[in-house]
Structure formats: C-alpha cells, structure tokens
Amino acid sequence: MIHTRNYRLVFAPDRPDAPSGITLDVPVLRRRVLRTAQLTAAQEHLMDLVRGLLDGTP
C-alpha cells in the first residue's frame, strides 16, 4: 500500500502534460497482523496431523 502523500507522478518524455504512472521509489506501508487462528475441530485435527508429520512423531 502506498500512502497518497507519497505518490510521485511520472511523466512520459513525449507527453509531459499527462502522467503515465507513479514512481516505484516511494516508501511502502506494511501492516502486519499476527494472531492465532480460530480453527474448527476438523481443522485442528488436520493441523495436529501435519505437526506430527513435521516433527516425525506418529
């Protein structure tokens, strides 16, 4: 996501009156949302099976 205050328009050399896009040299805002997922019983069972396979336990 790019905040609108950081937009920098890019103009084509042959059309200086019309913007052709935005520059990629702008700060990007990233929002991380880490939370524990609420799984159903069936999903929890599958996750336990996957964890068992990854850990090498039956």
Protein backbone atom coordinates (compact mmCIF):
# COMPACT_ATOMS: atom_id res chain seq x y z
CA MET A 1 0.00 0.00 0.00
CA ILE A 2 1.35 3.42 -0.89
CA HIS A 3 0.11 6.42 1.05
CA THR A 4 -1.27 9.14 -1.23
CA ARG A 5 1.03 11.78 0.22
CA ASN A 6 3.99 9.76 -1.14
CA TYR A 7 2.74 9.43 -4.71
CA ARG A 8 5.19 10.81 -7.22
CA LEU A 9 3.79 11.04 -10.71
CA VAL A 10 5.94 10.02 -13.65
CA PHE A 11 5.50 11.76 -16.98
CA ALA A 12 6.35 10.28 -20.37
CA PRO A 13 9.03 12.25 -22.26
CA ASP A 14 6.77 12.64 -25.29
CA ARG A 15 3.72 13.71 -23.22
CA PRO A 16 4.87 15.98 -20.38
CA ASP A 17 1.30 17.18 -19.84
CA ALA A 18 -0.11 13.75 -18.93
CA PRO A 19 1.16 11.49 -16.13
CA SER A 20 1.88 7.93 -17.21
CA GLY A 21 2.15 6.35 -13.76
CA ILE A 22 3.79 6.60 -10.37
CA THR A 23 7.40 6.05 -9.46
CA LEU A 24 8.35 2.91 -7.58
CA ASP A 25 10.79 4.87 -5.43
CA VAL A 26 8.32 5.55 -2.61
CA PRO A 27 8.02 4.13 0.90
CA VAL A 28 5.61 1.23 1.16
CA LEU A 29 3.39 0.94 4.22
CA ARG A 30 3.12 -2.60 5.53
CA ARG A 31 0.79 -3.65 8.27
CA ARG A 32 1.44 -6.97 9.96
CA VAL A 33 -1.40 -8.66 11.68
CA LEU A 34 -0.34 -11.71 13.63
CA ARG A 35 -2.94 -13.52 15.60
CA THR A 36 -3.87 -17.06 16.50
CA ALA A 37 -6.32 -18.52 14.03
CA GLN A 38 -9.57 -19.90 15.36
CA LEU A 39 -9.79 -23.39 13.91
CA THR A 40 -12.70 -25.77 13.81
CA ALA A 41 -12.28 -29.19 15.40
CA ALA A 42 -11.68 -30.79 12.00
CA GLN A 43 -9.07 -28.16 11.08
CA GLU A 44 -7.36 -28.60 14.45
CA HIS A 45 -7.20 -32.35 13.85
CA LEU A 46 -5.58 -31.82 10.45
CA MET A 47 -3.07 -29.37 11.95
CA ASP A 48 -2.17 -31.95 14.60
CA LEU A 49 -1.55 -34.49 11.85
CA VAL A 50 0.66 -32.06 9.92
CA ARG A 51 2.60 -31.13 13.07
CA GLY A 52 3.11 -34.83 13.79
CA LEU A 53 4.48 -35.41 10.29
CA LEU A 54 6.80 -32.42 10.51
CA ASP A 55 8.04 -33.38 13.98
CA GLY A 56 8.50 -37.02 12.98
CA THR A 57 6.08 -38.34 15.60
CA PRO A 58 3.10 -40.57 14.79
